[in-house]
Amino acid sequence: MRPRHPAALLSATATTVFRLNARLLAAAEELARPAGLTAARWQVLGDIADQPRTVSEIARRLGTSRQSVQRIADLLVSRELAEYRPNPAHRRAKLLAPTVRGRDALHSIGPAHARLARKLVDALGEEETERAVASLRLLAQALDRIDDT
C-alpha cells in the first residue's frame, strides 16, 4: 500500500470525524431529550458536574466559543438547572454550577448512556475502543499544536 498524500489523509480524517460527530450528536440528542435537555445543554451541564467553572473555562474545555457557552449557561440558569455563584478568584467572572434539578437531569441520563456505551464497546471491543479514543486524542493534540489550520 503506497502512502497517501497529506491532503487526502486530512480530507479522509475530516470526513470521518464529521460523520462521527453527526452520529454522536444525534445519539446525545436522543439521550438528553427525556431529561428535558439538548445535547449542547447536557454538554455544558456535564462539564460543571464535578466542579463549578467560569463560562470561559467551559468554552476552552469544550473547544467552543465563550458566546455559545454563555447563551447555554443563561438558558440553564433560566430553567433552574444551573446557577451563577460568586467567584473568589475573579469578581466579574461568575462560576456556573449545577442545581439539584440540574444534577437530577444528569443522573436521569446515566442509565441510557451506560446502555449505549456498553453496546458500543461490545460492538468494537474494549481494546479497539481504547485505541480509537487514544487516536482521537492524538489528533486533537496535533491540531492544537499547529497554527495554520
C-alpha atoms as a PDB file:
ATOM      1  CA  MET A   1       0.000   0.000   0.000  1.00  0.00           C
ATOM      2  CA  ARG A   2       1.560   3.285  -1.061  1.00  0.00           C
ATOM      3  CA  PRO A   3       1.447   6.339   1.204  1.00  0.00           C
ATOM      4  CA  ARG A   4      -1.400   8.762   0.673  1.00  0.00           C
ATOM      5  CA  HIS A   5      -0.887  12.432   0.102  1.00  0.00           C
ATOM      6  CA  PRO A   6      -1.237  14.504   3.310  1.00  0.00           C
ATOM      7  CA  ALA A   7      -4.148  16.484   1.831  1.00  0.00           C
ATOM      8  CA  ALA A   8      -6.008  13.251   1.079  1.00  0.00           C
ATOM      9  CA  LEU A   9      -5.325  11.997   4.606  1.00  0.00           C
ATOM     10  CA  LEU A  10      -6.627  15.237   6.092  1.00  0.00           C
ATOM     11  CA  SER A  11      -9.742  15.089   3.929  1.00  0.00           C
ATOM     12  CA  ALA A  12     -10.397  11.466   4.874  1.00  0.00           C
ATOM     13  CA  THR A  13      -9.863  12.306   8.546  1.00  0.00           C
ATOM     14  CA  ALA A  14     -12.167  15.320   8.393  1.00  0.00           C
ATOM     15  CA  THR A  15     -14.901  13.414   6.582  1.00  0.00           C
ATOM     16  CA  THR A  16     -14.731  10.591   9.120  1.00  0.00           C
ATOM     17  CA  VAL A  17     -14.730  12.964  12.101  1.00  0.00           C
ATOM     18  CA  PHE A  18     -17.653  14.960  10.668  1.00  0.00           C
ATOM     19  CA  ARG A  19     -19.656  11.752  10.223  1.00  0.00           C
ATOM     20  CA  LEU A  20     -18.720  10.577  13.720  1.00  0.00           C
ATOM     21  CA  ASN A  21     -19.639  13.973  15.170  1.00  0.00           C
ATOM     22  CA  ALA A  22     -23.055  13.860  13.493  1.00  0.00           C
ATOM     23  CA  ARG A  23     -23.709  10.339  14.824  1.00  0.00           C
ATOM     24  CA  LEU A  24     -22.576  11.246  18.354  1.00  0.00           C
ATOM     25  CA  LEU A  25     -24.657  14.428  18.377  1.00  0.00           C
ATOM     26  CA  ALA A  26     -27.730  12.519  17.212  1.00  0.00           C
ATOM     27  CA  ALA A  27     -27.186   9.927  19.949  1.00  0.00           C
ATOM     28  CA  ALA A  28     -26.638  12.686  22.527  1.00  0.00           C
ATOM     29  CA  GLU A  29     -29.863  14.423  21.487  1.00  0.00           C
ATOM     30  CA  GLU A  30     -31.771  11.154  21.954  1.00  0.00           C
ATOM     31  CA  LEU A  31     -30.193  10.545  25.353  1.00  0.00           C
ATOM     32  CA  ALA A  32     -30.728  14.121  26.566  1.00  0.00           C
ATOM     33  CA  ARG A  33     -34.316  14.578  25.360  1.00  0.00           C
ATOM     34  CA  PRO A  34     -36.060  12.580  28.150  1.00  0.00           C
ATOM     35  CA  ALA A  35     -34.195  14.711  30.716  1.00  0.00           C
ATOM     36  CA  GLY A  36     -35.517  17.892  29.096  1.00  0.00           C
ATOM     37  CA  LEU A  37     -32.082  18.772  27.721  1.00  0.00           C
ATOM     38  CA  THR A  38     -30.431  19.149  24.351  1.00  0.00           C
ATOM     39  CA  ALA A  39     -27.006  17.730  23.566  1.00  0.00           C
ATOM     40  CA  ALA A  40     -25.455  21.194  23.976  1.00  0.00           C
ATOM     41  CA  ARG A  41     -27.151  21.802  27.338  1.00  0.00           C
ATOM     42  CA  TRP A  42     -26.128  18.329  28.515  1.00  0.00           C
ATOM     43  CA  GLN A  43     -22.551  19.013  27.449  1.00  0.00           C
ATOM     44  CA  VAL A  44     -22.321  22.274  29.421  1.00  0.00           C
ATOM     45  CA  LEU A  45     -24.146  20.876  32.443  1.00  0.00           C
ATOM     46  CA  GLY A  46     -21.957  17.778  32.364  1.00  0.00           C
ATOM     47  CA  ASP A  47     -18.823  19.904  32.280  1.00  0.00           C
ATOM     48  CA  ILE A  48     -19.726  21.576  35.579  1.00  0.00           C
ATOM     49  CA  ALA A  49     -20.955  18.407  37.306  1.00  0.00           C
ATOM     50  CA  ASP A  50     -17.647  17.846  39.091  1.00  0.00           C
ATOM     51  CA  GLN A  51     -16.961  21.497  39.948  1.00  0.00           C
ATOM     52  CA  PRO A  52     -18.243  24.976  39.155  1.00  0.00           C
ATOM     53  CA  ARG A  53     -16.442  26.735  36.297  1.00  0.00           C
ATOM     54  CA  THR A  54     -16.496  30.073  34.540  1.00  0.00           C
ATOM     55  CA  VAL A  55     -18.081  30.323  31.119  1.00  0.00           C
ATOM     56  CA  SER A  56     -14.616  30.905  29.625  1.00  0.00           C
ATOM     57  CA  GLU A  57     -13.243  27.766  31.274  1.00  0.00           C
ATOM     58  CA  ILE A  58     -16.157  25.715  29.990  1.00  0.00           C
ATOM     59  CA  ALA A  59     -15.688  27.070  26.468  1.00  0.00           C
ATOM     60  CA  ARG A  60     -11.968  26.221  26.489  1.00  0.00           C
ATOM     61  CA  ARG A  61     -12.622  22.717  27.800  1.00  0.00           C
ATOM     62  CA  LEU A  62     -15.344  22.063  25.212  1.00  0.00           C
ATOM     63  CA  GLY A  63     -13.478  23.701  22.344  1.00  0.00           C
ATOM     64  CA  THR A  64     -16.259  26.133  21.546  1.00  0.00           C
ATOM     65  CA  SER A  65     -16.883  29.865  21.740  1.00  0.00           C
ATOM     66  CA  ARG A  66     -17.447  31.695  25.004  1.00  0.00           C
ATOM     67  CA  GLN A  67     -20.537  33.329  23.497  1.00  0.00           C
ATOM     68  CA  SER A  68     -22.091  29.960  22.684  1.00  0.00           C
ATOM     69  CA  VAL A  69     -21.480  28.672  26.200  1.00  0.00           C
ATOM     70  CA  GLN A  70     -22.810  31.938  27.661  1.00  0.00           C
ATOM     71  CA  ARG A  71     -26.111  31.511  25.808  1.00  0.00           C
ATOM     72  CA  ILE A  72     -26.454  27.934  27.022  1.00  0.00           C
ATOM     73  CA  ALA A  73     -25.424  28.855  30.580  1.00  0.00           C
ATOM     74  CA  ASP A  74     -28.007  31.635  30.720  1.00  0.00           C
ATOM     75  CA  LEU A  75     -30.656  29.217  29.465  1.00  0.00           C
ATOM     76  CA  LEU A  76     -29.688  26.592  32.050  1.00  0.00           C
ATOM     77  CA  VAL A  77     -29.936  29.247  34.769  1.00  0.00           C
ATOM     78  CA  SER A  78     -33.324  30.447  33.496  1.00  0.00           C
ATOM     79  CA  ARG A  79     -34.585  26.838  33.666  1.00  0.00           C
ATOM     80  CA  GLU A  80     -33.155  26.407  37.168  1.00  0.00           C
ATOM     81  CA  LEU A  81     -30.794  23.657  36.033  1.00  0.00           C
ATOM     82  CA  ALA A  82     -27.722  25.721  36.943  1.00  0.00           C
ATOM     83  CA  GLU A  83     -26.881  28.824  38.925  1.00  0.00           C
ATOM     84  CA  TYR A  84     -24.235  31.512  38.915  1.00  0.00           C
ATOM     85  CA  ARG A  85     -22.091  31.731  42.036  1.00  0.00           C
ATOM     86  CA  PRO A  86     -19.542  34.296  43.151  1.00  0.00           C
ATOM     87  CA  ASN A  87     -16.005  33.508  42.056  1.00  0.00           C
ATOM     88  CA  PRO A  88     -13.440  34.159  44.790  1.00  0.00           C
ATOM     89  CA  ALA A  89     -10.683  34.291  42.154  1.00  0.00           C
ATOM     90  CA  HIS A  90     -12.385  36.845  39.912  1.00  0.00           C
ATOM     91  CA  ARG A  91     -15.076  39.348  40.831  1.00  0.00           C
ATOM     92  CA  ARG A  92     -16.725  39.621  37.411  1.00  0.00           C
ATOM     93  CA  ALA A  93     -16.340  36.070  36.043  1.00  0.00           C
ATOM     94  CA  LYS A  94     -19.003  34.169  37.965  1.00  0.00           C
ATOM     95  CA  LEU A  95     -18.923  30.411  38.372  1.00  0.00           C
ATOM     96  CA  LEU A  96     -21.608  28.233  36.807  1.00  0.00           C
ATOM     97  CA  ALA A  97     -22.733  25.329  38.997  1.00  0.00           C
ATOM     98  CA  PRO A  98     -25.497  22.739  38.603  1.00  0.00           C
ATOM     99  CA  THR A  99     -28.540  22.970  40.837  1.00  0.00           C
ATOM    100  CA  VAL A 100     -30.169  19.935  42.423  1.00  0.00           C
ATOM    101  CA  ARG A 101     -32.581  19.923  39.491  1.00  0.00           C
ATOM    102  CA  GLY A 102     -29.632  20.012  37.056  1.00  0.00           C
ATOM    103  CA  ARG A 103     -27.915  17.136  38.842  1.00  0.00           C
ATOM    104  CA  ASP A 104     -31.155  15.164  38.736  1.00  0.00           C
ATOM    105  CA  ALA A 105     -31.365  15.734  34.966  1.00  0.00           C
ATOM    106  CA  LEU A 106     -27.790  14.498  34.532  1.00  0.00           C
ATOM    107  CA  HIS A 107     -28.423  11.431  36.698  1.00  0.00           C
ATOM    108  CA  SER A 108     -31.554  10.569  34.722  1.00  0.00           C
ATOM    109  CA  ILE A 109     -29.446  10.282  31.551  1.00  0.00           C
ATOM    110  CA  GLY A 110     -26.985   7.893  33.195  1.00  0.00           C
ATOM    111  CA  PRO A 111     -28.718   4.537  32.613  1.00  0.00           C
ATOM    112  CA  ALA A 112     -29.403   5.112  28.900  1.00  0.00           C
ATOM    113  CA  HIS A 113     -25.886   6.488  28.445  1.00  0.00           C
ATOM    114  CA  ALA A 114     -24.438   3.387  30.117  1.00  0.00           C
ATOM    115  CA  ARG A 115     -26.501   1.093  27.839  1.00  0.00           C
ATOM    116  CA  LEU A 116     -25.288   2.894  24.706  1.00  0.00           C
ATOM    117  CA  ALA A 117     -21.691   2.820  25.959  1.00  0.00           C
ATOM    118  CA  ARG A 118     -21.911  -0.911  26.603  1.00  0.00           C
ATOM    119  CA  LYS A 119     -23.344  -1.551  23.112  1.00  0.00           C
ATOM    120  CA  LEU A 120     -20.558   0.467  21.513  1.00  0.00           C
ATOM    121  CA  VAL A 121     -17.795  -1.251  23.467  1.00  0.00           C
ATOM    122  CA  ASP A 122     -19.372  -4.661  22.788  1.00  0.00           C
ATOM    123  CA  ALA A 123     -19.505  -3.879  19.060  1.00  0.00           C
ATOM    124  CA  LEU A 124     -15.939  -2.582  18.837  1.00  0.00           C
ATOM    125  CA  GLY A 125     -14.179  -4.357  21.683  1.00  0.00           C
ATOM    126  CA  GLU A 126     -12.574  -2.712  24.678  1.00  0.00           C
ATOM    127  CA  GLU A 127      -9.021  -2.578  23.305  1.00  0.00           C
ATOM    128  CA  GLU A 128     -10.123  -1.205  19.950  1.00  0.00           C
ATOM    129  CA  THR A 129     -12.322   1.398  21.682  1.00  0.00           C
ATOM    130  CA  GLU A 130      -9.369   2.487  23.808  1.00  0.00           C
ATOM    131  CA  ARG A 131      -7.181   2.725  20.685  1.00  0.00           C
ATOM    132  CA  ALA A 132      -9.821   4.820  18.923  1.00  0.00           C
ATOM    133  CA  VAL A 133     -10.036   7.213  21.875  1.00  0.00           C
ATOM    134  CA  ALA A 134      -6.238   7.456  22.006  1.00  0.00           C
ATOM    135  CA  SER A 135      -6.091   8.207  18.280  1.00  0.00           C
ATOM    136  CA  LEU A 136      -8.728  10.915  18.563  1.00  0.00           C
ATOM    137  CA  ARG A 137      -6.818  12.493  21.451  1.00  0.00           C
ATOM    138  CA  LEU A 138      -3.589  12.435  19.432  1.00  0.00           C
ATOM    139  CA  LEU A 139      -5.360  14.077  16.513  1.00  0.00           C
ATOM    140  CA  ALA A 140      -6.817  16.801  18.774  1.00  0.00           C
ATOM    141  CA  GLN A 141      -3.418  17.433  20.372  1.00  0.00           C
ATOM    142  CA  ALA A 142      -1.721  17.702  16.980  1.00  0.00           C
ATOM    143  CA  LEU A 143      -4.338  20.176  15.772  1.00  0.00           C
ATOM    144  CA  ASP A 144      -3.846  22.189  18.967  1.00  0.00           C
ATOM    145  CA  ARG A 145      -0.097  22.376  18.249  1.00  0.00           C
ATOM    146  CA  ILE A 146      -0.245  23.593  14.667  1.00  0.00           C
ATOM    147  CA  ASP A 147      -1.016  27.193  13.798  1.00  0.00           C
ATOM    148  CA  ASP A 148      -2.176  27.093  10.204  1.00  0.00           C
ATOM    149  CA  THR A 149      -5.449  25.173  10.349  1.00  0.00           C
END
